Amino acid sequence: MRNSLTGIALVGLLIAVPALASAQTPARGTAKESHNSKLAHADEKFMKDAAAGGMAEVQMGQLAEQHAASDGVKQFGKRMAADHAKANDELKQLASQKGVQLPSALDRGHQRLYDRLSKLNGADFDREYMKEMVKDHDKDVKAFQKQADSGKDADLKAWASKTLPTLKEHQDQAKQVSASVTGKSSPAASPRQK
């Protein structure tokens, strides 16, 4: 009986090993697909840049809730964390459908900014964080507008178009909050760059 069990185990192992090997092949293929996705290079770059920026917005928004002195900055940070987390989740689903591997950690530039801001507190944090948020959202609105207007992938264009109004609200709010913590008049009244 012991030999029978050993024989059955060996047969099972002989069947399982090729099955495991073939099951692993698509996983390796999926990793290659992230470099060979069906998206145009510019669309894939936009997707990865949007994911990196969104992740940074969430982490810095959470930082603002902890380090800011101004209630306006804290509320802005809370909104950034919530809105960008939602957009990030939508983007992750889209990336999965398109075979694109999104970044899972902050890139070097965003990490340096996060580290710099994490050393500040109170009014110093408020000024620097809001200055960065104005600059960042000006850049984001421009990138999302370009993707919405001239992206190649219809699904990614639709996502950029859907996300753009929220980013424009963030841009306006960032300018207003920044003006309130720096004592300058709000640049939100000036026309937006397109």
C-alpha atoms as a PDB file:
ATOM      1  CA  MET A   1       0.000   0.000   0.000  1.00  0.00           C
ATOM      2  CA  ARG A   2       2.858   2.346   0.808  1.00  0.00           C
ATOM      3  CA  ASN A   3       4.316   1.787  -2.684  1.00  0.00           C
ATOM      4  CA  SER A   4       0.898   2.524  -4.195  1.00  0.00           C
ATOM      5  CA  LEU A   5       0.706   5.835  -2.350  1.00  0.00           C
ATOM      6  CA  THR A   6       4.240   6.720  -3.408  1.00  0.00           C
ATOM      7  CA  GLY A   7       3.373   5.866  -7.010  1.00  0.00           C
ATOM      8  CA  ILE A   8       0.223   7.979  -6.906  1.00  0.00           C
ATOM      9  CA  ALA A   9       2.184  10.865  -5.382  1.00  0.00           C
ATOM     10  CA  LEU A  10       4.821  10.602  -8.128  1.00  0.00           C
ATOM     11  CA  VAL A  11       2.172  10.566 -10.855  1.00  0.00           C
ATOM     12  CA  GLY A  12       0.506  13.585  -9.264  1.00  0.00           C
ATOM     13  CA  LEU A  13       3.851  15.387  -9.095  1.00  0.00           C
ATOM     14  CA  LEU A  14       4.600  14.582 -12.738  1.00  0.00           C
ATOM     15  CA  ILE A  15       1.236  16.044 -13.714  1.00  0.00           C
ATOM     16  CA  ALA A  16       1.523  19.075 -11.404  1.00  0.00           C
ATOM     17  CA  VAL A  17       5.014  20.227 -12.455  1.00  0.00           C
ATOM     18  CA  PRO A  18       4.137  20.837 -16.153  1.00  0.00           C
ATOM     19  CA  ALA A  19       0.848  22.426 -15.082  1.00  0.00           C
ATOM     20  CA  LEU A  20       2.707  24.787 -12.741  1.00  0.00           C
ATOM     21  CA  ALA A  21       5.249  25.616 -15.431  1.00  0.00           C
ATOM     22  CA  SER A  22       2.534  26.489 -17.936  1.00  0.00           C
ATOM     23  CA  ALA A  23       0.647  28.494 -15.303  1.00  0.00           C
ATOM     24  CA  GLN A  24       3.783  30.563 -14.675  1.00  0.00           C
ATOM     25  CA  THR A  25       4.361  31.316 -18.350  1.00  0.00           C
ATOM     26  CA  PRO A  26       1.484  33.839 -18.628  1.00  0.00           C
ATOM     27  CA  ALA A  27       2.773  35.604 -15.507  1.00  0.00           C
ATOM     28  CA  ARG A  28       6.117  36.126 -17.207  1.00  0.00           C
ATOM     29  CA  GLY A  29       4.269  37.167 -20.354  1.00  0.00           C
ATOM     30  CA  THR A  30       2.233  39.683 -18.361  1.00  0.00           C
ATOM     31  CA  ALA A  31       5.416  41.320 -17.079  1.00  0.00           C
ATOM     32  CA  LYS A  32       6.638  41.646 -20.662  1.00  0.00           C
ATOM     33  CA  GLU A  33       3.257  43.006 -21.717  1.00  0.00           C
ATOM     34  CA  SER A  34       3.737  45.933 -19.362  1.00  0.00           C
ATOM     35  CA  HIS A  35       6.588  46.987 -21.631  1.00  0.00           C
ATOM     36  CA  ASN A  36       4.717  45.971 -24.768  1.00  0.00           C
ATOM     37  CA  SER A  37       1.231  47.144 -23.908  1.00  0.00           C
ATOM     38  CA  LYS A  38      -1.197  47.861 -26.694  1.00  0.00           C
ATOM     39  CA  LEU A  39      -1.079  51.568 -25.870  1.00  0.00           C
ATOM     40  CA  ALA A  40       0.866  54.157 -27.816  1.00  0.00           C
ATOM     41  CA  HIS A  41       4.051  55.157 -25.996  1.00  0.00           C
ATOM     42  CA  ALA A  42       2.684  58.634 -25.161  1.00  0.00           C
ATOM     43  CA  ASP A  43      -0.528  57.136 -23.705  1.00  0.00           C
ATOM     44  CA  GLU A  44       1.423  54.672 -21.560  1.00  0.00           C
ATOM     45  CA  LYS A  45       3.744  57.443 -20.358  1.00  0.00           C
ATOM     46  CA  PHE A  46       0.759  59.628 -19.463  1.00  0.00           C
ATOM     47  CA  MET A  47      -0.794  56.729 -17.538  1.00  0.00           C
ATOM     48  CA  LYS A  48       2.390  56.084 -15.543  1.00  0.00           C
ATOM     49  CA  ASP A  49       2.982  59.788 -14.886  1.00  0.00           C
ATOM     50  CA  ALA A  50      -0.634  60.243 -13.748  1.00  0.00           C
ATOM     51  CA  ALA A  51      -0.298  57.260 -11.401  1.00  0.00           C
ATOM     52  CA  ALA A  52       2.950  58.586  -9.906  1.00  0.00           C
ATOM     53  CA  GLY A  53       1.508  62.070  -9.464  1.00  0.00           C
ATOM     54  CA  GLY A  54      -1.737  60.758  -8.016  1.00  0.00           C
ATOM     55  CA  MET A  55       0.097  58.599  -5.505  1.00  0.00           C
ATOM     56  CA  ALA A  56       2.175  61.614  -4.436  1.00  0.00           C
ATOM     57  CA  GLU A  57      -0.975  63.763  -4.077  1.00  0.00           C
ATOM     58  CA  VAL A  58      -2.500  61.186  -1.709  1.00  0.00           C
ATOM     59  CA  GLN A  59       0.621  60.924   0.460  1.00  0.00           C
ATOM     60  CA  MET A  60       1.251  64.672   0.568  1.00  0.00           C
ATOM     61  CA  GLY A  61      -2.429  65.325   1.243  1.00  0.00           C
ATOM     62  CA  GLN A  62      -2.216  63.031   4.260  1.00  0.00           C
ATOM     63  CA  LEU A  63       0.939  64.865   5.311  1.00  0.00           C
ATOM     64  CA  ALA A  64      -0.954  68.178   5.076  1.00  0.00           C
ATOM     65  CA  GLU A  65      -3.624  66.868   7.431  1.00  0.00           C
ATOM     66  CA  GLN A  66      -0.883  66.218  10.018  1.00  0.00           C
ATOM     67  CA  HIS A  67       1.554  69.134   9.503  1.00  0.00           C
ATOM     68  CA  ALA A  68      -0.553  72.122   8.419  1.00  0.00           C
ATOM     69  CA  ALA A  69      -1.487  74.975  10.722  1.00  0.00           C
ATOM     70  CA  SER A  70      -4.275  76.370   8.566  1.00  0.00           C
ATOM     71  CA  ASP A  71      -7.645  74.637   8.532  1.00  0.00           C
ATOM     72  CA  GLY A  72      -7.888  75.566   4.850  1.00  0.00           C
ATOM     73  CA  VAL A  73      -4.653  73.706   4.087  1.00  0.00           C
ATOM     74  CA  LYS A  74      -5.753  70.720   6.165  1.00  0.00           C
ATOM     75  CA  GLN A  75      -9.087  70.567   4.322  1.00  0.00           C
ATOM     76  CA  PHE A  76      -7.325  70.926   0.978  1.00  0.00           C
ATOM     77  CA  GLY A  77      -4.971  68.066   1.900  1.00  0.00           C
ATOM     78  CA  LYS A  78      -7.897  65.897   2.947  1.00  0.00           C
ATOM     79  CA  ARG A  79      -9.616  66.544  -0.379  1.00  0.00           C
ATOM     80  CA  MET A  80      -6.401  65.774  -2.292  1.00  0.00           C
ATOM     81  CA  ALA A  81      -6.019  62.453  -0.503  1.00  0.00           C
ATOM     82  CA  ALA A  82      -9.647  61.440  -1.125  1.00  0.00           C
ATOM     83  CA  ASP A  83     -10.025  62.651  -4.733  1.00  0.00           C
ATOM     84  CA  HIS A  84      -6.666  61.345  -5.918  1.00  0.00           C
ATOM     85  CA  ALA A  85      -7.169  57.972  -4.183  1.00  0.00           C
ATOM     86  CA  LYS A  86     -10.433  57.585  -6.116  1.00  0.00           C
ATOM     87  CA  ALA A  87      -8.801  58.598  -9.420  1.00  0.00           C
ATOM     88  CA  ASN A  88      -5.858  56.258  -8.697  1.00  0.00           C
ATOM     89  CA  ASP A  89      -8.236  53.319  -8.196  1.00  0.00           C
ATOM     90  CA  GLU A  90      -9.936  54.061 -11.523  1.00  0.00           C
ATOM     91  CA  LEU A  91      -6.551  54.346 -13.240  1.00  0.00           C
ATOM     92  CA  LYS A  92      -5.371  51.032 -11.747  1.00  0.00           C
ATOM     93  CA  GLN A  93      -8.399  49.272 -13.216  1.00  0.00           C
ATOM     94  CA  LEU A  94      -7.771  50.848 -16.611  1.00  0.00           C
ATOM     95  CA  ALA A  95      -4.060  49.959 -16.485  1.00  0.00           C
ATOM     96  CA  SER A  96      -4.934  46.369 -15.655  1.00  0.00           C
ATOM     97  CA  GLN A  97      -7.201  46.180 -18.716  1.00  0.00           C
ATOM     98  CA  LYS A  98      -4.485  47.702 -20.916  1.00  0.00           C
ATOM     99  CA  GLY A  99      -1.621  45.555 -19.617  1.00  0.00           C
ATOM    100  CA  VAL A 100       0.294  48.496 -18.137  1.00  0.00           C
ATOM    101  CA  GLN A 101       2.316  48.090 -14.946  1.00  0.00           C
ATOM    102  CA  LEU A 102       1.903  51.261 -12.878  1.00  0.00           C
ATOM    103  CA  PRO A 103       4.507  52.431 -10.357  1.00  0.00           C
ATOM    104  CA  SER A 104       3.975  51.182  -6.811  1.00  0.00           C
ATOM    105  CA  ALA A 105       6.204  53.697  -5.010  1.00  0.00           C
ATOM    106  CA  LEU A 106       6.976  57.389  -5.298  1.00  0.00           C
ATOM    107  CA  ASP A 107       9.509  58.305  -7.965  1.00  0.00           C
ATOM    108  CA  ARG A 108      12.683  60.128  -6.934  1.00  0.00           C
ATOM    109  CA  GLY A 109      11.337  63.660  -7.530  1.00  0.00           C
ATOM    110  CA  HIS A 110       8.103  63.121  -5.611  1.00  0.00           C
ATOM    111  CA  GLN A 111       9.978  61.344  -2.805  1.00  0.00           C
ATOM    112  CA  ARG A 112      12.384  64.288  -2.439  1.00  0.00           C
ATOM    113  CA  LEU A 113       9.460  66.712  -2.272  1.00  0.00           C
ATOM    114  CA  TYR A 114       7.635  64.532   0.261  1.00  0.00           C
ATOM    115  CA  ASP A 115      10.780  64.270   2.407  1.00  0.00           C
ATOM    116  CA  ARG A 116      11.319  68.038   2.273  1.00  0.00           C
ATOM    117  CA  LEU A 117       7.700  68.802   3.202  1.00  0.00           C
ATOM    118  CA  SER A 118       7.673  66.202   5.985  1.00  0.00           C
ATOM    119  CA  LYS A 119      10.368  68.216   7.807  1.00  0.00           C
ATOM    120  CA  LEU A 120       8.158  71.334   7.883  1.00  0.00           C
ATOM    121  CA  ASN A 121       5.318  72.211  10.231  1.00  0.00           C
ATOM    122  CA  GLY A 122       2.778  74.958  10.707  1.00  0.00           C
ATOM    123  CA  ALA A 123       2.909  78.094   8.583  1.00  0.00           C
ATOM    124  CA  ASP A 124       6.173  77.027   6.888  1.00  0.00           C
ATOM    125  CA  PHE A 125       4.530  73.791   5.774  1.00  0.00           C
ATOM    126  CA  ASP A 126       1.386  75.620   4.652  1.00  0.00           C
ATOM    127  CA  ARG A 127       3.305  78.003   2.363  1.00  0.00           C
ATOM    128  CA  GLU A 128       5.565  75.374   0.797  1.00  0.00           C
ATOM    129  CA  TYR A 129       2.866  72.729   0.379  1.00  0.00           C
ATOM    130  CA  MET A 130       0.431  75.142  -1.244  1.00  0.00           C
ATOM    131  CA  LYS A 131       3.135  76.595  -3.518  1.00  0.00           C
ATOM    132  CA  GLU A 132       3.864  73.033  -4.716  1.00  0.00           C
ATOM    133  CA  MET A 133       0.156  72.250  -5.116  1.00  0.00           C
ATOM    134  CA  VAL A 134      -0.396  75.301  -7.354  1.00  0.00           C
ATOM    135  CA  LYS A 135       2.620  74.388  -9.499  1.00  0.00           C
ATOM    136  CA  ASP A 136       1.642  70.700  -9.606  1.00  0.00           C
ATOM    137  CA  HIS A 137      -1.989  71.296 -10.541  1.00  0.00           C
ATOM    138  CA  ASP A 138      -1.029  73.781 -13.258  1.00  0.00           C
ATOM    139  CA  LYS A 139       1.139  71.019 -14.742  1.00  0.00           C
ATOM    140  CA  ASP A 140      -1.544  68.327 -14.220  1.00  0.00           C
ATOM    141  CA  VAL A 141      -4.331  70.329 -15.846  1.00  0.00           C
ATOM    142  CA  LYS A 142      -2.126  70.930 -18.887  1.00  0.00           C
ATOM    143  CA  ALA A 143      -1.182  67.217 -19.169  1.00  0.00           C
ATOM    144  CA  PHE A 144      -4.741  65.961 -18.684  1.00  0.00           C
ATOM    145  CA  GLN A 145      -6.095  68.500 -21.186  1.00  0.00           C
ATOM    146  CA  LYS A 146      -3.528  67.337 -23.756  1.00  0.00           C
ATOM    147  CA  GLN A 147      -4.464  63.684 -23.136  1.00  0.00           C
ATOM    148  CA  ALA A 148      -8.182  64.441 -23.355  1.00  0.00           C
ATOM    149  CA  ASP A 149      -7.652  66.318 -26.627  1.00  0.00           C
ATOM    150  CA  SER A 150      -5.083  64.185 -28.412  1.00  0.00           C
ATOM    151  CA  GLY A 151      -4.594  60.842 -26.658  1.00  0.00           C
ATOM    152  CA  LYS A 152      -4.757  57.768 -28.894  1.00  0.00           C
ATOM    153  CA  ASP A 153      -6.548  55.326 -26.575  1.00  0.00           C
ATOM    154  CA  ALA A 154     -10.288  56.080 -26.329  1.00  0.00           C
ATOM    155  CA  ASP A 155     -10.647  54.689 -22.766  1.00  0.00           C
ATOM    156  CA  LEU A 156      -7.687  56.692 -21.468  1.00  0.00           C
ATOM    157  CA  LYS A 157      -8.941  59.852 -23.223  1.00  0.00           C
ATOM    158  CA  ALA A 158     -12.340  59.344 -21.575  1.00  0.00           C
ATOM    159  CA  TRP A 159     -10.727  58.915 -18.136  1.00  0.00           C
ATOM    160  CA  ALA A 160      -8.596  62.037 -18.603  1.00  0.00           C
ATOM    161  CA  SER A 161     -11.669  64.015 -19.733  1.00  0.00           C
ATOM    162  CA  LYS A 162     -13.698  62.768 -16.756  1.00  0.00           C
ATOM    163  CA  THR A 163     -10.895  63.604 -14.280  1.00  0.00           C
ATOM    164  CA  LEU A 164     -10.052  67.021 -15.741  1.00  0.00           C
ATOM    165  CA  PRO A 165     -12.913  69.042 -14.143  1.00  0.00           C
ATOM    166  CA  THR A 166     -11.888  67.830 -10.669  1.00  0.00           C
ATOM    167  CA  LEU A 167      -8.265  68.779 -11.358  1.00  0.00           C
ATOM    168  CA  LYS A 168      -9.379  72.248 -12.475  1.00  0.00           C
ATOM    169  CA  GLU A 169     -11.307  72.607  -9.191  1.00  0.00           C
ATOM    170  CA  HIS A 170      -8.155  71.541  -7.325  1.00  0.00           C
ATOM    171  CA  GLN A 171      -6.144  74.090  -9.330  1.00  0.00           C
ATOM    172  CA  ASP A 172      -8.517  76.928  -8.423  1.00  0.00           C
ATOM    173  CA  GLN A 173      -8.760  75.853  -4.798  1.00  0.00           C
ATOM    174  CA  ALA A 174      -4.953  75.521  -4.544  1.00  0.00           C
ATOM    175  CA  LYS A 175      -4.532  79.106  -5.785  1.00  0.00           C
ATOM    176  CA  GLN A 176      -7.117  80.420  -3.317  1.00  0.00           C
ATOM    177  CA  VAL A 177      -5.694  78.540  -0.325  1.00  0.00           C
ATOM    178  CA  SER A 178      -2.137  79.474  -1.312  1.00  0.00           C
ATOM    179  CA  ALA A 179      -3.149  83.153  -1.463  1.00  0.00           C
ATOM    180  CA  SER A 180      -4.712  82.877   1.984  1.00  0.00           C
ATOM    181  CA  VAL A 181      -1.556  81.454   3.587  1.00  0.00           C
ATOM    182  CA  THR A 182       0.874  83.798   1.815  1.00  0.00           C
ATOM    183  CA  GLY A 183      -1.221  86.936   2.198  1.00  0.00           C
ATOM    184  CA  LYS A 184      -1.264  87.607  -1.551  1.00  0.00           C
ATOM    185  CA  SER A 185      -4.369  88.258  -3.597  1.00  0.00           C
ATOM    186  CA  SER A 186      -5.787  85.126  -5.186  1.00  0.00           C
ATOM    187  CA  PRO A 187      -4.402  84.315  -8.635  1.00  0.00           C
ATOM    188  CA  ALA A 188      -7.545  82.255  -9.221  1.00  0.00           C
ATOM    189  CA  ALA A 189      -9.185  85.308 -10.763  1.00  0.00           C
ATOM    190  CA  SER A 190      -6.613  85.333 -13.567  1.00  0.00           C
ATOM    191  CA  PRO A 191      -7.384  83.212 -16.627  1.00  0.00           C
ATOM    192  CA  ARG A 192      -6.230  79.612 -16.568  1.00  0.00           C
ATOM    193  CA  GLN A 193      -3.567  78.421 -18.985  1.00  0.00           C
ATOM    194  CA  LYS A 194      -4.823  75.924 -21.535  1.00  0.00           C
END
